C-alpha cells in the first residue's frame, strides 16, 4: 500500500512539473490564436472569455472559483436586456 501511495504521489508530482513547463507556451499559443480572430465575429465573446478564464487560472495556484467564472462569463455574455423600442400590439 505504501509503495502504491509513493508511486501515485510521484506521478502527480511529475504531471504537475510537466504542466508547469508546458502551460506558459501553450497559453501564449492560445493568445496568438485569439489575436488572429477578426474582431466583431460571432466567435469573439467565446475567444475573449476563454482567454480570460485561462489567464485567471494562470494567476491562481488552485482552481478558479465559481464566483470568478461567473464574473467573467457575465462580462462576456451579459443577459439580454429588454429593448425599450420594442412594443407589442
N, C-alpha and C. Protein backbone atom coordinates (compact mmCIF):
# COMPACT_ATOMS: atom_id res chain seq x y z
N UNK A 1 0.82 -1.18 0.00
CA UNK A 1 0.00 0.00 0.00
C UNK A 1 0.88 1.26 0.00
N UNK A 2 1.92 1.24 0.80
CA UNK A 2 2.82 2.39 0.86
C UNK A 2 3.52 2.61 -0.49
N UNK A 3 3.90 1.53 -1.13
CA UNK A 3 4.55 1.63 -2.45
C UNK A 3 3.60 2.28 -3.45
N UNK A 4 2.34 1.86 -3.43
CA UNK A 4 1.35 2.45 -4.34
C UNK A 4 1.14 3.93 -4.05
N UNK A 5 1.08 4.29 -2.77
CA UNK A 5 0.93 5.70 -2.40
C UNK A 5 2.11 6.53 -2.89
N UNK A 6 3.32 6.03 -2.69
CA UNK A 6 4.50 6.75 -3.12
C UNK A 6 4.56 6.86 -4.64
N UNK A 7 4.20 5.78 -5.33
CA UNK A 7 4.20 5.81 -6.80
C UNK A 7 3.15 6.80 -7.31
N UNK A 8 1.99 6.81 -6.69
CA UNK A 8 0.94 7.76 -7.08
C UNK A 8 1.37 9.19 -6.83
N UNK A 9 1.99 9.43 -5.71
CA UNK A 9 2.48 10.76 -5.37
C UNK A 9 3.54 11.22 -6.37
N UNK A 10 4.40 10.30 -6.75
CA UNK A 10 5.45 10.64 -7.72
C UNK A 10 4.84 10.98 -9.08
N UNK A 11 3.81 10.22 -9.50
CA UNK A 11 3.15 10.50 -10.78
C UNK A 11 2.52 11.90 -10.75
N UNK A 12 1.87 12.23 -9.65
CA UNK A 12 1.24 13.55 -9.53
C UNK A 12 2.30 14.65 -9.61
N UNK A 13 3.40 14.48 -8.93
CA UNK A 13 4.48 15.47 -8.97
C UNK A 13 5.04 15.61 -10.38
N UNK A 14 5.21 14.50 -11.09
CA UNK A 14 5.71 14.55 -12.47
C UNK A 14 4.71 15.25 -13.39
N UNK A 15 3.41 14.97 -13.22
CA UNK A 15 2.39 15.62 -14.03
C UNK A 15 2.34 17.12 -13.75
N UNK A 16 2.46 17.50 -12.50
CA UNK A 16 2.47 18.93 -12.14
C UNK A 16 3.69 19.63 -12.74
N UNK A 17 4.84 19.01 -12.67
CA UNK A 17 6.05 19.59 -13.24
C UNK A 17 5.91 19.75 -14.75
N UNK A 18 5.36 18.74 -15.41
CA UNK A 18 5.14 18.80 -16.85
C UNK A 18 4.18 19.94 -17.18
N UNK A 19 3.08 20.06 -16.44
CA UNK A 19 2.08 21.10 -16.70
C UNK A 19 2.68 22.50 -16.50
N UNK A 20 3.47 22.68 -15.46
CA UNK A 20 4.09 23.98 -15.21
C UNK A 20 5.06 24.35 -16.32
N UNK A 21 5.69 23.35 -16.90
CA UNK A 21 6.63 23.59 -18.01
C UNK A 21 5.89 23.91 -19.31
N UNK A 22 4.81 23.22 -19.58
CA UNK A 22 4.10 23.33 -20.85
C UNK A 22 3.11 24.52 -20.88
N UNK A 23 2.52 24.84 -19.74
CA UNK A 23 1.45 25.83 -19.69
C UNK A 23 1.81 27.18 -20.29
N UNK A 24 2.95 27.79 -19.94
CA UNK A 24 3.23 29.12 -20.48
C UNK A 24 3.25 29.18 -22.00
N UNK A 25 3.88 28.21 -22.63
CA UNK A 25 3.94 28.25 -24.10
C UNK A 25 2.58 27.91 -24.72
N UNK A 26 1.84 27.01 -24.10
CA UNK A 26 0.50 26.70 -24.61
C UNK A 26 -0.42 27.91 -24.48
N UNK A 27 -0.33 28.62 -23.38
CA UNK A 27 -1.14 29.81 -23.17
C UNK A 27 -0.75 30.90 -24.17
N UNK A 28 0.52 31.03 -24.45
CA UNK A 28 0.97 32.01 -25.44
C UNK A 28 0.40 31.68 -26.82
N UNK A 29 0.37 30.39 -27.18
CA UNK A 29 -0.22 30.00 -28.47
C UNK A 29 -1.72 30.32 -28.49
N UNK A 30 -2.40 30.12 -27.36
CA UNK A 30 -3.81 30.46 -27.28
C UNK A 30 -4.01 31.96 -27.52
N UNK A 31 -3.20 32.79 -26.87
CA UNK A 31 -3.33 34.24 -27.03
C UNK A 31 -3.04 34.66 -28.48
N UNK A 32 -2.07 34.04 -29.11
CA UNK A 32 -1.76 34.36 -30.51
C UNK A 32 -2.92 33.97 -31.42
N UNK A 33 -3.50 32.80 -31.18
CA UNK A 33 -4.64 32.36 -31.98
C UNK A 33 -5.83 33.28 -31.75
N UNK A 34 -6.04 33.70 -30.50
CA UNK A 34 -7.14 34.61 -30.19
C UNK A 34 -6.95 35.95 -30.89
N UNK A 35 -5.72 36.44 -30.95
CA UNK A 35 -5.44 37.71 -31.60
C UNK A 35 -5.66 37.64 -33.11
N UNK A 36 -5.57 36.44 -33.67
CA UNK A 36 -5.75 36.27 -35.11
C UNK A 36 -7.23 36.26 -35.52
N UNK A 37 -8.14 36.13 -34.56
CA UNK A 37 -9.57 36.13 -34.87
C UNK A 37 -9.98 37.57 -35.20
N UNK A 38 -10.62 37.78 -36.33
CA UNK A 38 -11.05 39.15 -36.66
C UNK A 38 -12.05 39.68 -35.62
N UNK A 39 -11.86 40.93 -35.17
CA UNK A 39 -12.78 41.49 -34.19
C UNK A 39 -14.20 41.58 -34.75
N UNK A 40 -15.17 41.46 -33.86
CA UNK A 40 -16.56 41.61 -34.26
C UNK A 40 -17.22 40.35 -34.78
N UNK A 41 -16.49 39.24 -34.82
CA UNK A 41 -17.10 37.99 -35.29
C UNK A 41 -17.93 37.38 -34.17
N UNK A 42 -18.77 36.44 -34.53
CA UNK A 42 -19.62 35.77 -33.53
C UNK A 42 -18.79 35.01 -32.52
N UNK A 43 -17.59 34.61 -32.90
CA UNK A 43 -16.72 33.84 -32.01
C UNK A 43 -16.01 34.71 -30.98
N UNK A 44 -16.00 36.03 -31.19
CA UNK A 44 -15.20 36.91 -30.34
C UNK A 44 -15.51 36.78 -28.85
N UNK A 45 -16.78 36.77 -28.41
CA UNK A 45 -17.02 36.63 -26.96
C UNK A 45 -16.50 35.31 -26.40
N UNK A 46 -16.58 34.24 -27.17
CA UNK A 46 -16.08 32.95 -26.72
C UNK A 46 -14.56 32.98 -26.58
N UNK A 47 -13.90 33.55 -27.56
CA UNK A 47 -12.45 33.64 -27.54
C UNK A 47 -12.00 34.50 -26.36
N UNK A 48 -12.64 35.65 -26.18
CA UNK A 48 -12.27 36.54 -25.09
C UNK A 48 -12.50 35.88 -23.72
N UNK A 49 -13.64 35.21 -23.57
CA UNK A 49 -13.95 34.55 -22.29
C UNK A 49 -12.94 33.43 -22.00
N UNK A 50 -12.65 32.62 -23.01
CA UNK A 50 -11.70 31.53 -22.82
C UNK A 50 -10.33 32.07 -22.42
N UNK A 51 -9.88 33.10 -23.13
CA UNK A 51 -8.57 33.67 -22.84
C UNK A 51 -8.53 34.23 -21.42
N UNK A 52 -9.60 34.92 -21.01
CA UNK A 52 -9.64 35.48 -19.66
C UNK A 52 -9.72 34.39 -18.60
N UNK A 53 -10.46 33.33 -18.86
CA UNK A 53 -10.54 32.22 -17.91
C UNK A 53 -9.20 31.51 -17.75
N UNK A 54 -8.50 31.33 -18.86
CA UNK A 54 -7.18 30.69 -18.78
C UNK A 54 -6.21 31.59 -18.03
N UNK A 55 -6.30 32.91 -18.26
CA UNK A 55 -5.45 33.85 -17.52
C UNK A 55 -5.77 33.79 -16.03
N UNK A 56 -7.05 33.72 -15.69
CA UNK A 56 -7.45 33.63 -14.28
C UNK A 56 -6.88 32.36 -13.65
N UNK A 57 -6.89 31.27 -14.40
CA UNK A 57 -6.32 30.02 -13.89
C UNK A 57 -4.81 30.17 -13.70
N UNK A 58 -4.15 30.84 -14.62
CA UNK A 58 -2.71 31.03 -14.52
C UNK A 58 -2.35 31.90 -13.31
N UNK A 59 -3.25 32.80 -12.93
CA UNK A 59 -2.99 33.71 -11.82
C UNK A 59 -3.20 33.08 -10.46
N UNK A 60 -3.75 31.88 -10.40
CA UNK A 60 -4.04 31.24 -9.13
C UNK A 60 -3.22 29.96 -8.98
N UNK A 61 -3.02 29.56 -7.76
CA UNK A 61 -2.30 28.30 -7.53
C UNK A 61 -3.26 27.14 -7.38
N UNK A 62 -4.56 27.45 -7.33
CA UNK A 62 -5.57 26.41 -7.20
C UNK A 62 -6.51 26.47 -8.38
N UNK A 63 -7.77 26.38 -8.09
CA UNK A 63 -8.77 26.42 -9.13
C UNK A 63 -9.41 27.80 -9.17
N UNK A 64 -9.90 28.18 -10.33
CA UNK A 64 -10.67 29.41 -10.45
C UNK A 64 -12.01 29.16 -9.77
N UNK A 65 -12.34 29.99 -8.79
CA UNK A 65 -13.56 29.80 -8.03
C UNK A 65 -14.78 30.17 -8.87
N UNK A 66 -15.92 29.61 -8.50
CA UNK A 66 -17.15 29.82 -9.25
C UNK A 66 -17.51 31.29 -9.39
N UNK A 67 -17.29 32.07 -8.33
CA UNK A 67 -17.59 33.50 -8.38
C UNK A 67 -16.82 34.18 -9.51
N UNK A 68 -15.55 33.81 -9.68
CA UNK A 68 -14.71 34.40 -10.75
C UNK A 68 -15.20 33.96 -12.12
N UNK A 69 -15.56 32.68 -12.26
CA UNK A 69 -16.13 32.18 -13.52
C UNK A 69 -17.37 33.01 -13.87
N UNK A 70 -18.26 33.19 -12.88
CA UNK A 70 -19.50 33.93 -13.13
C UNK A 70 -19.21 35.36 -13.56
N UNK A 71 -18.25 36.02 -12.92
CA UNK A 71 -17.90 37.39 -13.29
C UNK A 71 -17.43 37.47 -14.75
N UNK A 72 -16.56 36.56 -15.12
CA UNK A 72 -16.01 36.55 -16.48
C UNK A 72 -17.11 36.25 -17.50
N UNK A 73 -17.88 35.22 -17.24
CA UNK A 73 -18.93 34.85 -18.19
C UNK A 73 -20.01 35.93 -18.28
N UNK A 74 -20.34 36.55 -17.17
CA UNK A 74 -21.34 37.62 -17.17
C UNK A 74 -20.84 38.81 -17.99
N UNK A 75 -19.56 39.09 -17.92
CA UNK A 75 -18.98 40.20 -18.67
C UNK A 75 -19.01 39.94 -20.18
N UNK A 76 -18.70 38.71 -20.57
CA UNK A 76 -18.62 38.40 -22.00
C UNK A 76 -19.96 37.96 -22.59
N UNK A 77 -20.85 37.48 -21.75
CA UNK A 77 -22.18 37.03 -22.19
C UNK A 77 -23.24 37.65 -21.28
N UNK A 78 -23.42 38.98 -21.36
CA UNK A 78 -24.38 39.63 -20.47
C UNK A 78 -25.81 39.18 -20.79
N UNK A 79 -26.68 39.25 -19.78
CA UNK A 79 -28.08 38.89 -20.06
C UNK A 79 -28.67 39.89 -21.03
N UNK A 80 -29.58 39.42 -21.83
CA UNK A 80 -30.23 40.33 -22.78
C UNK A 80 -31.22 41.20 -22.03
N UNK A 81 -31.04 42.49 -22.17
CA UNK A 81 -31.94 43.42 -21.52
C UNK A 81 -33.13 43.69 -22.44
N UNK A 82 -34.26 44.03 -21.90
CA UNK A 82 -35.42 44.34 -22.75
C UNK A 82 -35.11 45.52 -23.66
N UNK A 83 -35.59 45.44 -24.87
CA UNK A 83 -35.43 46.52 -25.84
C UNK A 83 -36.51 47.57 -25.58
N UNK A 84 -36.13 48.80 -25.17
CA UNK A 84 -37.13 49.80 -24.86
C UNK A 84 -37.94 50.25 -26.09
N UNK A 85 -37.39 50.03 -27.29
CA UNK A 85 -38.11 50.42 -28.51
C UNK A 85 -39.06 49.34 -29.01
N UNK A 86 -39.00 48.16 -28.38
CA UNK A 86 -39.85 47.05 -28.82
C UNK A 86 -41.19 47.15 -28.12
N UNK A 87 -42.23 47.15 -28.91
CA UNK A 87 -43.59 47.17 -28.31
C UNK A 87 -44.42 46.05 -28.92
N UNK A 88 -45.30 45.54 -28.14
CA UNK A 88 -46.22 44.50 -28.64
C UNK A 88 -47.58 45.13 -28.86
N UNK A 89 -48.32 44.58 -29.73
CA UNK A 89 -49.65 45.14 -30.02
C UNK A 89 -50.71 44.44 -29.20
